[in-house]
């Protein structure tokens, strides 16, 4: 039996392409995780005390793709399954990724 040769080292271009593919997969995983986290879907809204906090909270959440700073493009009210929810449409300032963050307004009563 002949001894095995060690594998050829990867070229710089191949290494760069492998790194780019792994970063793309990581970004896709982050986006999937953001959809499953609070605010990622209408069935998992983030609870806030007033509508003035919707845009503040939405702009505080980093972009799931590149962890950049988002910009709130639109803030609208929607009725989902008989419940009034707020949707903040955001887009990342760095990569342009568009996302919708869902909120429920729940006013706290003072004793």
Protein backbone atom coordinates (compact mmCIF):
# COMPACT_ATOMS: atom_id res chain seq x y z
CA UNK A 1 0.00 0.00 0.00
CA UNK A 2 1.37 3.42 -0.92
CA UNK A 3 1.45 6.16 1.66
CA UNK A 4 -1.08 8.94 1.30
CA UNK A 5 0.05 12.34 0.22
CA UNK A 6 -0.89 15.29 2.39
CA UNK A 7 -3.67 17.39 0.85
CA UNK A 8 -2.64 20.35 -1.25
CA UNK A 9 -2.88 23.67 0.56
CA UNK A 10 -5.82 25.79 -0.50
CA UNK A 11 -5.18 28.83 -2.63
CA UNK A 12 -5.93 32.27 -1.23
CA UNK A 13 -8.94 32.62 -3.53
CA UNK A 14 -10.36 29.26 -2.42
CA UNK A 15 -9.88 30.12 1.25
CA UNK A 16 -11.62 33.46 0.70
CA UNK A 17 -14.56 31.75 -1.03
CA UNK A 18 -14.86 29.18 1.77
CA UNK A 19 -14.90 32.01 4.33
CA UNK A 20 -17.54 33.94 2.35
CA UNK A 21 -19.80 30.88 2.16
CA UNK A 22 -19.50 30.23 5.90
CA UNK A 23 -20.32 33.90 6.65
CA UNK A 24 -23.36 33.69 4.36
CA UNK A 25 -24.57 30.56 6.18
CA UNK A 26 -24.05 32.30 9.53
CA UNK A 27 -26.10 35.30 8.35
CA UNK A 28 -28.92 32.99 7.21
CA UNK A 29 -28.90 31.27 10.60
CA UNK A 30 -29.06 34.63 12.39
CA UNK A 31 -32.04 35.69 10.27
CA UNK A 32 -33.84 32.41 11.06
CA UNK A 33 -33.13 32.89 14.76
CA UNK A 34 -34.42 36.48 14.65
CA UNK A 35 -37.70 35.23 13.15
CA UNK A 36 -38.08 32.80 16.07
CA UNK A 37 -37.16 35.33 18.76
CA UNK A 38 -39.58 37.82 20.41
CA UNK A 39 -40.81 40.35 17.86
CA UNK A 40 -39.93 38.16 14.89
CA UNK A 41 -43.51 37.13 14.11
CA UNK A 42 -47.05 38.29 14.96
CA UNK A 43 -47.51 35.33 17.32
CA UNK A 44 -44.44 36.43 19.35
CA UNK A 45 -44.74 40.22 19.76
CA UNK A 46 -42.60 42.31 22.09
CA UNK A 47 -44.71 43.93 24.81
CA UNK A 48 -44.31 47.69 25.30
CA UNK A 49 -46.22 50.18 27.45
CA UNK A 50 -46.98 52.80 24.79
CA UNK A 51 -46.79 53.30 21.04
CA UNK A 52 -44.02 55.88 21.46
CA UNK A 53 -41.68 53.07 22.55
CA UNK A 54 -42.21 50.98 19.40
CA UNK A 55 -39.75 52.88 17.21
CA UNK A 56 -37.20 53.20 20.03
CA UNK A 57 -37.22 49.47 20.72
CA UNK A 58 -37.19 48.54 17.02
CA UNK A 59 -34.18 50.75 16.32
CA UNK A 60 -32.35 49.27 19.31
CA UNK A 61 -32.47 45.73 17.88
CA UNK A 62 -29.37 45.05 15.75
CA UNK A 63 -29.61 43.78 12.21
CA UNK A 64 -29.74 39.97 12.31
CA UNK A 65 -27.67 39.67 9.15
CA UNK A 66 -24.70 41.99 9.84
CA UNK A 67 -25.39 43.27 13.41
CA UNK A 68 -25.53 46.80 12.00
CA UNK A 69 -27.77 49.65 13.08
CA UNK A 70 -31.34 49.54 11.73
CA UNK A 71 -33.46 52.47 10.56
CA UNK A 72 -37.23 52.45 11.20
CA UNK A 73 -38.92 53.03 7.85
CA UNK A 74 -42.54 52.62 8.89
CA UNK A 75 -44.63 52.02 12.01
CA UNK A 76 -48.17 50.70 11.39
CA UNK A 77 -51.01 49.10 13.31
CA UNK A 78 -52.44 45.72 12.26
CA UNK A 79 -55.25 43.52 13.52
CA UNK A 80 -53.98 39.95 13.77
CA UNK A 81 -56.41 37.30 15.02
CA UNK A 82 -58.54 39.97 16.69
CA UNK A 83 -55.59 41.53 18.51
CA UNK A 84 -54.20 44.96 17.66
CA UNK A 85 -50.45 44.78 17.05
CA UNK A 86 -47.86 47.27 15.85
CA UNK A 87 -45.42 46.44 13.07
CA UNK A 88 -42.18 48.38 12.75
CA UNK A 89 -40.60 47.94 9.31
CA UNK A 90 -36.86 48.42 9.59
CA UNK A 91 -33.95 48.31 7.18
CA UNK A 92 -30.28 48.06 8.01
CA UNK A 93 -28.14 51.12 7.31
CA UNK A 94 -25.16 48.94 6.37
CA UNK A 95 -26.48 45.97 4.39
CA UNK A 96 -30.05 47.11 3.59
CA UNK A 97 -31.71 44.01 5.09
CA UNK A 98 -35.45 44.63 5.58
CA UNK A 99 -37.21 43.25 8.64
CA UNK A 100 -40.56 43.58 10.42
CA UNK A 101 -40.57 43.69 14.23
CA UNK A 102 -43.91 43.04 15.94
CA UNK A 103 -45.12 44.74 19.15
CA UNK A 104 -48.10 44.52 21.50
CA UNK A 105 -49.10 47.60 23.48
CA UNK A 106 -50.06 46.67 27.01
CA UNK A 107 -50.77 49.58 29.30
CA UNK A 108 -49.98 49.03 32.93
CA UNK A 109 -52.59 50.16 35.40
CA UNK A 110 -51.58 52.24 38.40
CA UNK A 111 -52.81 50.98 41.77
